[in-house]
Amino acid sequence: MMQATVFIGNAVGPTIGGTLAMKMGLRIPFLATAAAQLLLIVLILLTPRKRRQPTSGSEIIQDA
């Protein structure tokens, strides 16, 4: 899944950035990227973390 998103971003990103730059100027693609990154940072910080359940001693496999 991660590899697919990287591939899609590399394939589609320059097309969208180039189109924005041609129609609205060179500053807009950078501002759009900064806004997207800021939004993702806020979402990451607000997403609750999953807590791991502690395992009992009998579930731990030890090498002999």
Protein backbone atom coordinates (compact mmCIF):
# COMPACT_ATOMS: atom_id res chain seq x y z
CA MET A 1 0.00 0.00 0.00
CA MET A 2 2.80 2.38 0.89
CA GLN A 3 4.61 1.69 -2.37
CA ALA A 4 1.44 2.37 -4.34
CA THR A 5 0.94 5.77 -2.72
CA VAL A 6 4.56 6.73 -3.41
CA PHE A 7 4.21 5.67 -7.05
CA ILE A 8 0.92 7.54 -7.49
CA GLY A 9 2.39 10.67 -5.88
CA ASN A 10 5.43 10.54 -8.16
CA ALA A 11 3.26 9.99 -11.23
CA VAL A 12 0.50 12.53 -10.54
CA GLY A 13 2.32 15.18 -8.50
CA PRO A 14 4.38 16.78 -11.27
CA THR A 15 1.33 16.92 -13.54
CA ILE A 16 -0.79 18.70 -10.95
CA GLY A 17 2.09 20.98 -9.92
CA GLY A 18 2.89 21.85 -13.53
CA THR A 19 -0.73 22.62 -14.32
CA LEU A 20 -1.05 24.84 -11.25
CA ALA A 21 2.19 26.62 -12.13
CA MET A 22 1.09 27.28 -15.72
CA LYS A 23 -2.33 28.59 -14.78
CA MET A 24 -1.65 30.41 -11.50
CA GLY A 25 2.09 31.03 -11.23
CA LEU A 26 5.05 29.30 -9.63
CA ARG A 27 4.18 30.25 -6.07
CA ILE A 28 0.85 28.37 -5.93
CA PRO A 29 2.22 24.78 -6.15
CA PHE A 30 4.55 25.47 -3.21
CA LEU A 31 1.73 27.00 -1.16
CA ALA A 32 -0.55 24.05 -1.97
CA THR A 33 2.16 21.59 -0.88
CA ALA A 34 2.78 23.53 2.34
CA ALA A 35 -0.96 23.59 3.10
CA ALA A 36 -1.27 19.83 2.48
CA GLN A 37 1.71 19.08 4.71
CA LEU A 38 0.39 21.30 7.48
CA LEU A 39 -2.99 19.57 7.31
CA LEU A 40 -1.34 16.14 7.50
CA ILE A 41 0.81 17.17 10.47
CA VAL A 42 -2.30 18.32 12.34
CA LEU A 43 -4.13 15.07 11.50
CA ILE A 44 -1.18 12.99 12.69
CA LEU A 45 -0.97 14.90 15.96
CA LEU A 46 -4.71 14.59 16.59
CA THR A 47 -4.96 10.87 15.76
CA PRO A 48 -5.07 8.80 18.94
CA ARG A 49 -2.34 6.21 19.38
CA LYS A 50 -3.17 2.57 19.89
CA ARG A 51 -1.95 1.19 23.20
CA ARG A 52 -0.24 -2.16 23.22
CA GLN A 53 -1.51 -4.76 25.65
CA PRO A 54 1.20 -6.12 27.93
CA THR A 55 1.99 -9.78 27.42
CA SER A 56 2.31 -12.23 30.24
CA GLY A 57 5.58 -14.08 30.85
CA SER A 58 4.22 -17.34 29.47
CA GLU A 59 3.58 -15.79 26.04
CA ILE A 60 7.16 -14.62 25.59
CA ILE A 61 9.27 -17.04 23.56
CA GLN A 62 12.80 -17.29 24.84
CA ASP A 63 15.73 -18.64 22.87
CA ALA A 64 17.46 -21.53 24.59
